[in-house]
Amino acid sequence: MKITRIEIKRFRSILDLKLDINLNNNFLTICGANNSGKTNVLKALNIFFNPTEYIIAEDVPNHKYSGSRGSATYPEITLNFRKDDEEWKIKRFFGLDGLYKSEGIKSNISNKTKIKLNEMILKKL
């Protein structure tokens, strides 16, 4: 199973980022100037897989956490995975107390079927 897409919203210095990953390569590099968010991409991936490491005071963008605290200020991290003819899209929503909820869809690429994944299946993945 390989990651094919990363979407990060409202996480640290990242307001809205979408990265499509080419499966034909055996490696991935993230390049950019100092303080451009490279490490925050890796931290978002870590929190996706280890939601207990989410710390609201550090992981919500500073201007959102310290400023307006308006609606939709909390991070969303979405990963797409692919293995053979199947693709999974899993989205994690974070809030005041950590992981708020997860949603997922499993798609079969050849016959175009989609199945909504329940919480138990998402935990196994």
PDB file of N, CA and C in Angstrom:
ATOM      1  N   MET A   1       0.850  -1.168   0.000  1.00  0.00           N
ATOM      2  CA  MET A   1       0.000   0.000   0.000  1.00  0.00           C
ATOM      3  C   MET A   1       0.901   1.237   0.000  1.00  0.00           C
ATOM      4  N   LYS A   2       0.627   2.167  -0.915  1.00  0.00           N
ATOM      5  CA  LYS A   2       1.437   3.384  -1.021  1.00  0.00           C
ATOM      6  C   LYS A   2       0.548   4.620  -0.922  1.00  0.00           C
ATOM      7  N   ILE A   3       1.111   5.674  -0.353  1.00  0.00           N
ATOM      8  CA  ILE A   3       0.407   6.952  -0.281  1.00  0.00           C
ATOM      9  C   ILE A   3       0.468   7.607  -1.654  1.00  0.00           C
ATOM     10  N   THR A   4      -0.696   8.034  -2.174  1.00  0.00           N
ATOM     11  CA  THR A   4      -0.746   8.672  -3.489  1.00  0.00           C
ATOM     12  C   THR A   4      -1.067  10.157  -3.417  1.00  0.00           C
ATOM     13  N   ARG A   5      -1.633  10.608  -2.299  1.00  0.00           N
ATOM     14  CA  ARG A   5      -2.003  12.017  -2.169  1.00  0.00           C
ATOM     15  C   ARG A   5      -2.026  12.396  -0.688  1.00  0.00           C
ATOM     16  N   ILE A   6      -1.554  13.604  -0.403  1.00  0.00           N
ATOM     17  CA  ILE A   6      -1.576  14.151   0.945  1.00  0.00           C
ATOM     18  C   ILE A   6      -2.279  15.502   0.871  1.00  0.00           C
ATOM     19  N   GLU A   7      -3.279  15.690   1.723  1.00  0.00           N
ATOM     20  CA  GLU A   7      -3.955  16.987   1.827  1.00  0.00           C
ATOM     21  C   GLU A   7      -3.911  17.420   3.292  1.00  0.00           C
ATOM     22  N   ILE A   8      -3.443  18.641   3.508  1.00  0.00           N
ATOM     23  CA  ILE A   8      -3.326  19.163   4.860  1.00  0.00           C
ATOM     24  C   ILE A   8      -4.003  20.525   4.899  1.00  0.00           C
ATOM     25  N   LYS A   9      -4.898  20.706   5.855  1.00  0.00           N
ATOM     26  CA  LYS A   9      -5.582  21.989   6.030  1.00  0.00           C
ATOM     27  C   LYS A   9      -5.418  22.459   7.462  1.00  0.00           C
ATOM     28  N   ARG A  10      -5.032  23.719   7.606  1.00  0.00           N
ATOM     29  CA  ARG A  10      -4.966  24.384   8.908  1.00  0.00           C
ATOM     30  C   ARG A  10      -4.113  23.626   9.914  1.00  0.00           C
ATOM     31  N   PHE A  11      -2.895  23.284   9.538  1.00  0.00           N
ATOM     32  CA  PHE A  11      -1.966  22.602  10.439  1.00  0.00           C
ATOM     33  C   PHE A  11      -0.671  23.398  10.513  1.00  0.00           C
ATOM     34  N   ARG A  12      -0.381  23.949  11.679  1.00  0.00           N
ATOM     35  CA  ARG A  12       0.820  24.751  11.910  1.00  0.00           C
ATOM     36  C   ARG A  12       0.922  25.862  10.868  1.00  0.00           C
ATOM     37  N   SER A  13       1.986  25.874  10.046  1.00  0.00           N
ATOM     38  CA  SER A  13       2.154  26.933   9.049  1.00  0.00           C
ATOM     39  C   SER A  13       1.430  26.622   7.738  1.00  0.00           C
ATOM     40  N   ILE A  14       0.802  25.473   7.642  1.00  0.00           N
ATOM     41  CA  ILE A  14       0.155  25.044   6.398  1.00  0.00           C
ATOM     42  C   ILE A  14      -1.335  25.341   6.475  1.00  0.00           C
ATOM     43  N   LEU A  15      -1.825  26.193   5.584  1.00  0.00           N
ATOM     44  CA  LEU A  15      -3.258  26.488   5.558  1.00  0.00           C
ATOM     45  C   LEU A  15      -4.006  25.549   4.618  1.00  0.00           C
ATOM     46  N   ASP A  16      -3.448  25.270   3.446  1.00  0.00           N
ATOM     47  CA  ASP A  16      -4.099  24.384   2.485  1.00  0.00           C
ATOM     48  C   ASP A  16      -3.040  23.851   1.529  1.00  0.00           C
ATOM     49  N   LEU A  17      -2.697  22.587   1.661  1.00  0.00           N
ATOM     50  CA  LEU A  17      -1.647  21.979   0.853  1.00  0.00           C
ATOM     51  C   LEU A  17      -2.143  20.674   0.269  1.00  0.00           C
ATOM     52  N   LYS A  18      -1.879  20.467  -1.015  1.00  0.00           N
ATOM     53  CA  LYS A  18      -2.209  19.213  -1.686  1.00  0.00           C
ATOM     54  C   LYS A  18      -0.958  18.728  -2.408  1.00  0.00           C
ATOM     55  N   LEU A  19      -0.545  17.499  -2.095  1.00  0.00           N
ATOM     56  CA  LEU A  19       0.619  16.893  -2.729  1.00  0.00           C
ATOM     57  C   LEU A  19       0.192  15.603  -3.412  1.00  0.00           C
ATOM     58  N   ASP A  20       0.354  15.535  -4.719  1.00  0.00           N
ATOM     59  CA  ASP A  20       0.115  14.299  -5.458  1.00  0.00           C
ATOM     60  C   ASP A  20       1.445  13.587  -5.611  1.00  0.00           C
ATOM     61  N   ILE A  21       1.445  12.294  -5.346  1.00  0.00           N
ATOM     62  CA  ILE A  21       2.675  11.514  -5.355  1.00  0.00           C
ATOM     63  C   ILE A  21       2.673  10.569  -6.547  1.00  0.00           C
ATOM     64  N   ASN A  22       3.738  10.612  -7.320  1.00  0.00           N
ATOM     65  CA  ASN A  22       3.901   9.766  -8.498  1.00  0.00           C
ATOM     66  C   ASN A  22       4.328   8.368  -8.052  1.00  0.00           C
ATOM     67  N   LEU A  23       3.505   7.375  -8.326  1.00  0.00           N
ATOM     68  CA  LEU A  23       3.802   6.012  -7.897  1.00  0.00           C
ATOM     69  C   LEU A  23       4.893   5.346  -8.719  1.00  0.00           C
ATOM     70  N   ASN A  24       5.307   5.969  -9.808  1.00  0.00           N
ATOM     71  CA  ASN A  24       6.356   5.386 -10.642  1.00  0.00           C
ATOM     72  C   ASN A  24       7.744   5.605 -10.056  1.00  0.00           C
ATOM     73  N   ASN A  25       7.867   6.486  -9.071  1.00  0.00           N
ATOM     74  CA  ASN A  25       9.150   6.740  -8.422  1.00  0.00           C
ATOM     75  C   ASN A  25       9.279   5.884  -7.173  1.00  0.00           C
ATOM     76  N   ASN A  26      10.500   5.549  -6.823  1.00  0.00           N
ATOM     77  CA  ASN A  26      10.744   4.774  -5.611  1.00  0.00           C
ATOM     78  C   ASN A  26      11.072   5.656  -4.409  1.00  0.00           C
ATOM     79  N   PHE A  27      11.095   6.961  -4.608  1.00  0.00           N
ATOM     80  CA  PHE A  27      11.402   7.864  -3.504  1.00  0.00           C
ATOM     81  C   PHE A  27      10.653   9.168  -3.694  1.00  0.00           C
ATOM     82  N   LEU A  28      10.602   9.934  -2.623  1.00  0.00           N
ATOM     83  CA  LEU A  28       9.909  11.222  -2.628  1.00  0.00           C
ATOM     84  C   LEU A  28      10.780  12.224  -1.894  1.00  0.00           C
ATOM     85  N   THR A  29      10.923  13.400  -2.441  1.00  0.00           N
ATOM     86  CA  THR A  29      11.650  14.458  -1.747  1.00  0.00           C
ATOM     87  C   THR A  29      10.731  15.658  -1.587  1.00  0.00           C
ATOM     88  N   ILE A  30      10.909  16.346  -0.491  1.00  0.00           N
ATOM     89  CA  ILE A  30      10.186  17.597  -0.239  1.00  0.00           C
ATOM     90  C   ILE A  30      11.254  18.671  -0.109  1.00  0.00           C
ATOM     91  N   CYS A  31      11.256  19.601  -1.035  1.00  0.00           N
ATOM     92  CA  CYS A  31      12.284  20.642  -1.067  1.00  0.00           C
ATOM     93  C   CYS A  31      11.642  22.015  -0.883  1.00  0.00           C
ATOM     94  N   GLY A  32      12.408  22.926  -0.313  1.00  0.00           N
ATOM     95  CA  GLY A  32      11.927  24.289  -0.152  1.00  0.00           C
ATOM     96  C   GLY A  32      12.867  25.086   0.719  1.00  0.00           C
ATOM     97  N   ALA A  33      12.618  26.370   0.756  1.00  0.00           N
ATOM     98  CA  ALA A  33      13.436  27.269   1.572  1.00  0.00           C
ATOM     99  C   ALA A  33      13.236  26.970   3.056  1.00  0.00           C
ATOM    100  N   ASN A  34      14.162  27.458   3.863  1.00  0.00           N
ATOM    101  CA  ASN A  34      14.020  27.339   5.309  1.00  0.00           C
ATOM    102  C   ASN A  34      12.704  27.981   5.748  1.00  0.00           C
ATOM    103  N   ASN A  35      12.053  27.343   6.711  1.00  0.00           N
ATOM    104  CA  ASN A  35      10.819  27.864   7.300  1.00  0.00           C
ATOM    105  C   ASN A  35       9.656  27.922   6.299  1.00  0.00           C
ATOM    106  N   SER A  36       9.650  26.988   5.334  1.00  0.00           N
ATOM    107  CA  SER A  36       8.558  26.972   4.359  1.00  0.00           C
ATOM    108  C   SER A  36       7.522  25.885   4.641  1.00  0.00           C
ATOM    109  N   GLY A  37       7.765  25.020   5.646  1.00  0.00           N
ATOM    110  CA  GLY A  37       6.763  24.034   6.027  1.00  0.00           C
ATOM    111  C   GLY A  37       7.109  22.586   5.742  1.00  0.00           C
ATOM    112  N   LYS A  38       8.331  22.301   5.317  1.00  0.00           N
ATOM    113  CA  LYS A  38       8.715  20.914   5.010  1.00  0.00           C
ATOM    114  C   LYS A  38       8.550  20.003   6.225  1.00  0.00           C
ATOM    115  N   THR A  39       9.058  20.438   7.359  1.00  0.00           N
ATOM    116  CA  THR A  39       8.960  19.637   8.580  1.00  0.00           C
ATOM    117  C   THR A  39       7.508  19.510   9.023  1.00  0.00           C
ATOM    118  N   ASN A  40       6.706  20.521   8.798  1.00  0.00           N
ATOM    119  CA  ASN A  40       5.293  20.462   9.184  1.00  0.00           C
ATOM    120  C   ASN A  40       4.527  19.425   8.375  1.00  0.00           C
ATOM    121  N   VAL A  41       4.933  19.182   7.134  1.00  0.00           N
ATOM    122  CA  VAL A  41       4.319  18.099   6.352  1.00  0.00           C
ATOM    123  C   VAL A  41       4.598  16.772   7.047  1.00  0.00           C
ATOM    124  N   LEU A  42       5.836  16.570   7.464  1.00  0.00           N
ATOM    125  CA  LEU A  42       6.193  15.321   8.146  1.00  0.00           C
ATOM    126  C   LEU A  42       5.482  15.205   9.497  1.00  0.00           C
ATOM    127  N   LYS A  43       5.343  16.316  10.216  1.00  0.00           N
ATOM    128  CA  LYS A  43       4.627  16.292  11.499  1.00  0.00           C
ATOM    129  C   LYS A  43       3.152  15.971  11.284  1.00  0.00           C
ATOM    130  N   ALA A  44       2.563  16.502  10.212  1.00  0.00           N
ATOM    131  CA  ALA A  44       1.160  16.200   9.914  1.00  0.00           C
ATOM    132  C   ALA A  44       0.986  14.703   9.615  1.00  0.00           C
ATOM    133  N   LEU A  45       1.924  14.126   8.872  1.00  0.00           N
ATOM    134  CA  LEU A  45       1.859  12.685   8.608  1.00  0.00           C
ATOM    135  C   LEU A  45       1.975  11.890   9.903  1.00  0.00           C
ATOM    136  N   ASN A  46       2.870  12.305  10.779  1.00  0.00           N
ATOM    137  CA  ASN A  46       3.023  11.628  12.061  1.00  0.00           C
ATOM    138  C   ASN A  46       1.734  11.703  12.877  1.00  0.00           C
ATOM    139  N   ILE A  47       1.112  12.859  12.904  1.00  0.00           N
ATOM    140  CA  ILE A  47      -0.128  13.007  13.677  1.00  0.00           C
ATOM    141  C   ILE A  47      -1.280  12.231  13.042  1.00  0.00           C
ATOM    142  N   PHE A  48      -1.283  12.121  11.727  1.00  0.00           N
ATOM    143  CA  PHE A  48      -2.297  11.299  11.063  1.00  0.00           C
ATOM    144  C   PHE A  48      -2.225   9.864  11.600  1.00  0.00           C
ATOM    145  N   PHE A  49      -1.017   9.318  11.680  1.00  0.00           N
ATOM    146  CA  PHE A  49      -0.836   7.939  12.125  1.00  0.00           C
ATOM    147  C   PHE A  49      -0.783   7.799  13.647  1.00  0.00           C
ATOM    148  N   ASN A  50      -0.477   8.887  14.355  1.00  0.00           N
ATOM    149  CA  ASN A  50      -0.377   8.875  15.823  1.00  0.00           C
ATOM    150  C   ASN A  50      -1.163  10.052  16.395  1.00  0.00           C
ATOM    151  N   PRO A  51      -2.493  10.007  16.334  1.00  0.00           N
ATOM    152  CA  PRO A  51      -3.304  11.158  16.729  1.00  0.00           C
ATOM    153  C   PRO A  51      -3.128  11.601  18.180  1.00  0.00           C
ATOM    154  N   THR A  52      -2.626  10.723  19.044  1.00  0.00           N
ATOM    155  CA  THR A  52      -2.439  11.125  20.440  1.00  0.00           C
ATOM    156  C   THR A  52      -1.320  12.150  20.591  1.00  0.00           C
ATOM    157  N   GLU A  53      -0.512  12.341  19.564  1.00  0.00           N
ATOM    158  CA  GLU A  53       0.580  13.320  19.619  1.00  0.00           C
ATOM    159  C   GLU A  53       0.127  14.729  19.201  1.00  0.00           C
ATOM    160  N   TYR A  54      -1.141  14.878  18.884  1.00  0.00           N
ATOM    161  CA  TYR A  54      -1.703  16.192  18.523  1.00  0.00           C
ATOM    162  C   TYR A  54      -1.752  17.090  19.751  1.00  0.00           C
ATOM    163  N   ILE A  55      -1.208  18.300  19.632  1.00  0.00           N
ATOM    164  CA  ILE A  55      -1.223  19.294  20.706  1.00  0.00           C
ATOM    165  C   ILE A  55      -1.820  20.570  20.118  1.00  0.00           C
ATOM    166  N   ILE A  56      -3.000  20.922  20.552  1.00  0.00           N
ATOM    167  CA  ILE A  56      -3.728  22.029  19.929  1.00  0.00           C
ATOM    168  C   ILE A  56      -2.930  23.325  19.922  1.00  0.00           C
ATOM    169  N   ALA A  57      -2.248  23.646  21.002  1.00  0.00           N
ATOM    170  CA  ALA A  57      -1.515  24.923  21.080  1.00  0.00           C
ATOM    171  C   ALA A  57      -0.363  24.987  20.082  1.00  0.00           C
ATOM    172  N   GLU A  58       0.139  23.821  19.638  1.00  0.00           N
ATOM    173  CA  GLU A  58       1.244  23.789  18.679  1.00  0.00           C
ATOM    174  C   GLU A  58       0.781  23.516  17.253  1.00  0.00           C
ATOM    175  N   ASP A  59      -0.290  22.754  17.099  1.00  0.00           N
ATOM    176  CA  ASP A  59      -0.643  22.231  15.783  1.00  0.00           C
ATOM    177  C   ASP A  59      -1.698  23.017  15.022  1.00  0.00           C
ATOM    178  N   VAL A  60      -2.415  23.915  15.687  1.00  0.00           N
ATOM    179  CA  VAL A  60      -3.354  24.799  15.003  1.00  0.00           C
ATOM    180  C   VAL A  60      -2.576  26.046  14.593  1.00  0.00           C
ATOM    181  N   PRO A  61      -2.797  26.584  13.381  1.00  0.00           N
ATOM    182  CA  PRO A  61      -2.067  27.793  12.982  1.00  0.00           C
ATOM    183  C   PRO A  61      -2.174  28.886  14.041  1.00  0.00           C
ATOM    184  N   ASN A  62      -1.048  29.527  14.358  1.00  0.00           N
ATOM    185  CA  ASN A  62      -0.984  30.504  15.446  1.00  0.00           C
ATOM    186  C   ASN A  62      -2.025  31.609  15.298  1.00  0.00           C
ATOM    187  N   HIS A  63      -2.205  32.144  14.086  1.00  0.00           N
ATOM    188  CA  HIS A  63      -3.172  33.236  13.932  1.00  0.00           C
ATOM    189  C   HIS A  63      -4.599  32.759  14.170  1.00  0.00           C
ATOM    190  N   LYS A  64      -4.861  31.473  13.970  1.00  0.00           N
ATOM    191  CA  LYS A  64      -6.191  30.930  14.247  1.00  0.00           C
ATOM    192  C   LYS A  64      -6.353  30.642  15.748  1.00  0.00           C
ATOM    193  N   TYR A  65      -5.314  30.059  16.337  1.00  0.00           N
ATOM    194  CA  TYR A  65      -5.399  29.677  17.755  1.00  0.00           C
ATOM    195  C   TYR A  65      -5.399  30.909  18.659  1.00  0.00           C
ATOM    196  N   SER A  66      -4.504  31.847  18.386  1.00  0.00           N
ATOM    197  CA  SER A  66      -4.369  33.020  19.255  1.00  0.00           C
ATOM    198  C   SER A  66      -5.266  34.178  18.836  1.00  0.00           C
ATOM    199  N   GLY A  67      -5.763  34.134  17.620  1.00  0.00           N
ATOM    200  CA  GLY A  67      -6.537  35.253  17.101  1.00  0.00           C
ATOM    201  C   GLY A  67      -8.025  35.019  17.162  1.00  0.00           C
ATOM    202  N   SER A  68      -8.628  34.863  16.004  1.00  0.00           N
ATOM    203  CA  SER A  68     -10.086  34.858  15.877  1.00  0.00           C
ATOM    204  C   SER A  68     -10.777  33.675  16.527  1.00  0.00           C
ATOM    205  N   ARG A  69     -10.144  32.513  16.501  1.00  0.00           N
ATOM    206  CA  ARG A  69     -10.774  31.269  16.962  1.00  0.00           C
ATOM    207  C   ARG A  69     -12.119  31.043  16.286  1.00  0.00           C
ATOM    208  N   GLY A  70     -12.226  31.499  15.050  1.00  0.00           N
ATOM    209  CA  GLY A  70     -13.456  31.357  14.287  1.00  0.00           C
ATOM    210  C   GLY A  70     -13.736  29.916  13.928  1.00  0.00           C
ATOM    211  N   SER A  71     -14.783  29.703  13.185  1.00  0.00           N
ATOM    212  CA  SER A  71     -15.174  28.342  12.835  1.00  0.00           C
ATOM    213  C   SER A  71     -14.136  27.709  11.913  1.00  0.00           C
ATOM    214  N   ALA A  72     -14.138  26.399  11.873  1.00  0.00           N
ATOM    215  CA  ALA A  72     -13.258  25.602  11.009  1.00  0.00           C
ATOM    216  C   ALA A  72     -11.791  25.971  11.186  1.00  0.00           C
ATOM    217  N   THR A  73     -11.347  26.089  12.426  1.00  0.00           N
ATOM    218  CA  THR A  73      -9.954  26.449  12.672  1.00  0.00           C
ATOM    219  C   THR A  73      -9.069  25.239  12.906  1.00  0.00           C
ATOM    220  N   TYR A  74      -9.631  24.084  13.063  1.00  0.00           N
ATOM    221  CA  TYR A  74      -8.848  22.926  13.453  1.00  0.00           C
ATOM    222  C   TYR A  74      -8.339  22.149  12.235  1.00  0.00           C
ATOM    223  N   PRO A  75      -7.244  21.430  12.419  1.00  0.00           N
ATOM    224  CA  PRO A  75      -6.628  20.724  11.296  1.00  0.00           C
ATOM    225  C   PRO A  75      -7.474  19.586  10.729  1.00  0.00           C
ATOM    226  N   GLU A  76      -7.302  19.387   9.426  1.00  0.00           N
ATOM    227  CA  GLU A  76      -7.830  18.218   8.708  1.00  0.00           C
ATOM    228  C   GLU A  76      -6.661  17.652   7.917  1.00  0.00           C
ATOM    229  N   ILE A  77      -6.456  16.354   8.034  1.00  0.00           N
ATOM    230  CA  ILE A  77      -5.385  15.696   7.293  1.00  0.00           C
ATOM    231  C   ILE A  77      -6.015  14.534   6.546  1.00  0.00           C
ATOM    232  N   THR A  78      -5.801  14.512   5.223  1.00  0.00           N
ATOM    233  CA  THR A  78      -6.370  13.472   4.373  1.00  0.00           C
ATOM    234  C   THR A  78      -5.243  12.766   3.633  1.00  0.00           C
ATOM    235  N   LEU A  79      -5.296  11.442   3.641  1.00  0.00           N
ATOM    236  CA  LEU A  79      -4.336  10.647   2.868  1.00  0.00           C
ATOM    237  C   LEU A  79      -5.090   9.711   1.947  1.00  0.00           C
ATOM    238  N   ASN A  80      -4.575   9.583   0.734  1.00  0.00           N
ATOM    239  CA  ASN A  80      -5.066   8.588  -0.208  1.00  0.00           C
ATOM    240  C   ASN A  80      -4.005   7.499  -0.318  1.00  0.00           C
ATOM    241  N   PHE A  81      -4.449   6.256  -0.243  1.00  0.00           N
ATOM    242  CA  PHE A  81      -3.560   5.103  -0.365  1.00  0.00           C
ATOM    243  C   PHE A  81      -4.002   4.274  -1.560  1.00  0.00           C
ATOM    244  N   ARG A  82      -3.047   3.588  -2.173  1.00  0.00           N
ATOM    245  CA  ARG A  82      -3.406   2.725  -3.293  1.00  0.00           C
ATOM    246  C   ARG A  82      -2.633   1.426  -3.206  1.00  0.00           C
ATOM    247  N   LYS A  83      -3.350   0.351  -3.487  1.00  0.00           N
ATOM    248  CA  LYS A  83      -2.733  -0.969  -3.606  1.00  0.00           C
ATOM    249  C   LYS A  83      -3.467  -1.699  -4.716  1.00  0.00           C
ATOM    250  N   ASP A  84      -2.722  -2.048  -5.738  1.00  0.00           N
ATOM    251  CA  ASP A  84      -3.284  -2.731  -6.905  1.00  0.00           C
ATOM    252  C   ASP A  84      -4.448  -1.919  -7.489  1.00  0.00           C
ATOM    253  N   ASP A  85      -5.642  -2.470  -7.462  1.00  0.00           N
ATOM    254  CA  ASP A  85      -6.804  -1.833  -8.073  1.00  0.00           C
ATOM    255  C   ASP A  85      -7.705  -1.141  -7.051  1.00  0.00           C
ATOM    256  N   GLU A  86      -7.229  -1.002  -5.822  1.00  0.00           N
ATOM    257  CA  GLU A  86      -8.038  -0.400  -4.765  1.00  0.00           C
ATOM    258  C   GLU A  86      -7.388   0.880  -4.262  1.00  0.00           C
ATOM    259  N   GLU A  87      -8.252   1.840  -3.900  1.00  0.00           N
ATOM    260  CA  GLU A  87      -7.773   3.098  -3.352  1.00  0.00           C
ATOM    261  C   GLU A  87      -8.601   3.442  -2.120  1.00  0.00           C
ATOM    262  N   TRP A  88      -7.913   3.913  -1.080  1.00  0.00           N
ATOM    263  CA  TRP A  88      -8.550   4.341   0.152  1.00  0.00           C
ATOM    264  C   TRP A  88      -8.308   5.825   0.333  1.00  0.00           C
ATOM    265  N   LYS A  89      -9.333   6.555   0.738  1.00  0.00           N
ATOM    266  CA  LYS A  89      -9.210   7.971   1.076  1.00  0.00           C
ATOM    267  C   LYS A  89      -9.673   8.100   2.521  1.00  0.00           C
ATOM    268  N   ILE A  90      -8.736   8.492   3.387  1.00  0.00           N
ATOM    269  CA  ILE A  90      -9.040   8.599   4.805  1.00  0.00           C
ATOM    270  C   ILE A  90      -8.779  10.027   5.261  1.00  0.00           C
ATOM    271  N   LYS A  91      -9.782  10.611   5.900  1.00  0.00           N
ATOM    272  CA  LYS A  91      -9.694  11.991   6.378  1.00  0.00           C
ATOM    273  C   LYS A  91      -9.837  11.978   7.890  1.00  0.00           C
ATOM    274  N   ARG A  92      -8.911  12.691   8.556  1.00  0.00           N
ATOM    275  CA  ARG A  92      -8.962  12.817  10.009  1.00  0.00           C
ATOM    276  C   ARG A  92      -9.196  14.276  10.377  1.00  0.00           C
ATOM    277  N   PHE A  93     -10.154  14.493  11.281  1.00  0.00           N
ATOM    278  CA  PHE A  93     -10.514  15.823  11.755  1.00  0.00           C
ATOM    279  C   PHE A  93     -10.054  15.943  13.210  1.00  0.00           C
ATOM    280  N   PHE A  94      -9.383  17.033  13.523  1.00  0.00           N
ATOM    281  CA  PHE A  94      -8.907  17.262  14.883  1.00  0.00           C
ATOM    282  C   PHE A  94      -9.653  18.434  15.500  1.00  0.00           C
ATOM    283  N   GLY A  95      -9.792  18.416  16.813  1.00  0.00           N
ATOM    284  CA  GLY A  95     -10.499  19.474  17.523  1.00  0.00           C
ATOM    285  C   GLY A  95      -9.817  19.820  18.828  1.00  0.00           C
ATOM    286  N   LEU A  96     -10.565  20.342  19.756  1.00  0.00           N
ATOM    287  CA  LEU A  96     -10.022  20.766  21.051  1.00  0.00           C
ATOM    288  C   LEU A  96      -9.369  19.623  21.826  1.00  0.00           C
ATOM    289  N   ASP A  97      -9.952  18.453  21.751  1.00  0.00           N
ATOM    290  CA  ASP A  97      -9.486  17.323  22.556  1.00  0.00           C
ATOM    291  C   ASP A  97      -8.717  16.285  21.756  1.00  0.00           C
ATOM    292  N   GLY A  98      -8.210  16.643  20.596  1.00  0.00           N
ATOM    293  CA  GLY A  98      -7.464  15.686  19.778  1.00  0.00           C
ATOM    294  C   GLY A  98      -8.270  15.246  18.578  1.00  0.00           C
ATOM    295  N   LEU A  99      -8.133  13.971  18.234  1.00  0.00           N
ATOM    296  CA  LEU A  99      -8.836  13.436  17.076  1.00  0.00           C
ATOM    297  C   LEU A  99     -10.332  13.502  17.316  1.00  0.00           C
ATOM    298  N   TYR A 100     -11.026  14.239  16.449  1.00  0.00           N
ATOM    299  CA  TYR A 100     -12.469  14.426  16.584  1.00  0.00           C
ATOM    300  C   TYR A 100     -13.219  13.277  15.910  1.00  0.00           C
ATOM    301  N   LYS A 101     -12.852  13.006  14.650  1.00  0.00           N
ATOM    302  CA  LYS A 101     -13.466  11.887  13.935  1.00  0.00           C
ATOM    303  C   LYS A 101     -12.631  11.556  12.700  1.00  0.00           C
ATOM    304  N   SER A 102     -12.901  10.380  12.151  1.00  0.00           N
ATOM    305  CA  SER A 102     -12.258   9.933  10.916  1.00  0.00           C
ATOM    306  C   SER A 102     -13.344   9.493   9.944  1.00  0.00           C
ATOM    307  N   GLU A 103     -13.076   9.732   8.668  1.00  0.00           N
ATOM    308  CA  GLU A 103     -13.980   9.286   7.601  1.00  0.00           C
ATOM    309  C   GLU A 103     -13.149   8.585   6.555  1.00  0.00           C
ATOM    310  N   GLY A 104     -13.735   7.626   5.883  1.00  0.00           N
ATOM    311  CA  GLY A 104     -12.985   6.942   4.840  1.00  0.00           C
ATOM    312  C   GLY A 104     -13.866   6.353   3.768  1.00  0.00           C
ATOM    313  N   ILE A 105     -13.274   6.238   2.577  1.00  0.00           N
ATOM    314  CA  ILE A 105     -13.944   5.625   1.428  1.00  0.00           C
ATOM    315  C   ILE A 105     -12.945   4.696   0.755  1.00  0.00           C
ATOM    316  N   LYS A 106     -13.401   3.489   0.427  1.00  0.00           N
ATOM    317  CA  LYS A 106     -12.599   2.539  -0.328  1.00  0.00           C
ATOM    318  C   LYS A 106     -13.191   2.445  -1.725  1.00  0.00           C
ATOM    319  N   SER A 107     -12.357   2.639  -2.741  1.00  0.00           N
ATOM    320  CA  SER A 107     -12.816   2.611  -4.124  1.00  0.00           C
ATOM    321  C   SER A 107     -12.112   1.495  -4.885  1.00  0.00           C
ATOM    322  N   ASN A 108     -12.862   0.851  -5.738  1.00  0.00           N
ATOM    323  CA  ASN A 108     -12.275  -0.086  -6.688  1.00  0.00           C
ATOM    324  C   ASN A 108     -12.151   0.661  -8.006  1.00  0.00           C
ATOM    325  N   ILE A 109     -10.954   0.789  -8.508  1.00  0.00           N
ATOM    326  CA  ILE A 109     -10.704   1.632  -9.669  1.00  0.00           C
ATOM    327  C   ILE A 109     -11.300   1.048 -10.943  1.00  0.00           C
ATOM    328  N   SER A 110     -11.212  -0.271 -11.131  1.00  0.00           N
ATOM    329  CA  SER A 110     -11.683  -0.862 -12.387  1.00  0.00           C
ATOM    330  C   SER A 110     -13.208  -0.875 -12.499  1.00  0.00           C
ATOM    331  N   ASN A 111     -13.916  -1.222 -11.430  1.00  0.00           N
ATOM    332  CA  ASN A 111     -15.379  -1.270 -11.556  1.00  0.00           C
ATOM    333  C   ASN A 111     -16.075  -0.057 -10.932  1.00  0.00           C
ATOM    334  N   LYS A 112     -15.287   0.906 -10.463  1.00  0.00           N
ATOM    335  CA  LYS A 112     -15.781   2.197  -9.978  1.00  0.00           C
ATOM    336  C   LYS A 112     -16.769   2.097  -8.807  1.00  0.00           C
ATOM    337  N   THR A 113     -16.632   1.050  -7.986  1.00  0.00           N
ATOM    338  CA  THR A 113     -17.477   0.950  -6.803  1.00  0.00           C
ATOM    339  C   THR A 113     -16.817   1.686  -5.635  1.00  0.00           C
ATOM    340  N   LYS A 114     -17.658   2.192  -4.736  1.00  0.00           N
ATOM    341  CA  LYS A 114     -17.174   2.895  -3.551  1.00  0.00           C
ATOM    342  C   LYS A 114     -17.893   2.364  -2.327  1.00  0.00           C
ATOM    343  N   ILE A 115     -17.123   2.216  -1.248  1.00  0.00           N
ATOM    344  CA  ILE A 115     -17.680   1.743   0.010  1.00  0.00           C
ATOM    345  C   ILE A 115     -17.254   2.713   1.103  1.00  0.00           C
ATOM    346  N   LYS A 116     -18.223   3.169   1.890  1.00  0.00           N
ATOM    347  CA  LYS A 116     -17.912   4.021   3.024  1.00  0.00           C
ATOM    348  C   LYS A 116     -17.383   3.136   4.154  1.00  0.00           C
ATOM    349  N   LEU A 117     -16.255   3.553   4.748  1.00  0.00           N
ATOM    350  CA  LEU A 117     -15.611   2.751   5.777  1.00  0.00           C
ATOM    351  C   LEU A 117     -16.074   3.187   7.165  1.00  0.00           C
ATOM    352  N   ASN A 118     -16.368   2.211   8.012  1.00  0.00           N
ATOM    353  CA  ASN A 118     -16.774   2.540   9.378  1.00  0.00           C
ATOM    354  C   ASN A 118     -15.534   2.699  10.263  1.00  0.00           C
ATOM    355  N   GLU A 119     -15.739   3.156  11.475  1.00  0.00           N
ATOM    356  CA  GLU A 119     -14.641   3.467  12.402  1.00  0.00           C
ATOM    357  C   GLU A 119     -13.775   2.242  12.708  1.00  0.00           C
ATOM    358  N   MET A 120     -14.393   1.078  12.812  1.00  0.00           N
ATOM    359  CA  MET A 120     -13.642  -0.140  13.127  1.00  0.00           C
ATOM    360  C   MET A 120     -12.673  -0.500  11.989  1.00  0.00           C
ATOM    361  N   ILE A 121     -13.122  -0.396  10.756  1.00  0.00           N
ATOM    362  CA  ILE A 121     -12.267  -0.685   9.603  1.00  0.00           C
ATOM    363  C   ILE A 121     -11.140   0.334   9.524  1.00  0.00           C
ATOM    364  N   LEU A 122     -11.458   1.601   9.789  1.00  0.00           N
ATOM    365  CA  LEU A 122     -10.431   2.651   9.744  1.00  0.00           C
ATOM    366  C   LEU A 122      -9.331   2.413  10.774  1.00  0.00           C
ATOM    367  N   LYS A 123      -9.697   1.923  11.958  1.00  0.00           N
ATOM    368  CA  LYS A 123      -8.687   1.638  12.971  1.00  0.00           C
ATOM    369  C   LYS A 123      -7.783   0.500  12.547  1.00  0.00           C
ATOM    370  N   LYS A 124      -8.323  -0.511  11.884  1.00  0.00           N
ATOM    371  CA  LYS A 124      -7.520  -1.635  11.400  1.00  0.00           C
ATOM    372  C   LYS A 124      -6.540  -1.199  10.321  1.00  0.00           C
ATOM    373  N   LEU A 125      -6.978  -0.277   9.459  1.00  0.00           N
ATOM    374  CA  LEU A 125      -6.106   0.204   8.399  1.00  0.00           C
ATOM    375  C   LEU A 125      -4.907   0.910   8.988  1.00  0.00           C
TER     376      LEU A 125
END
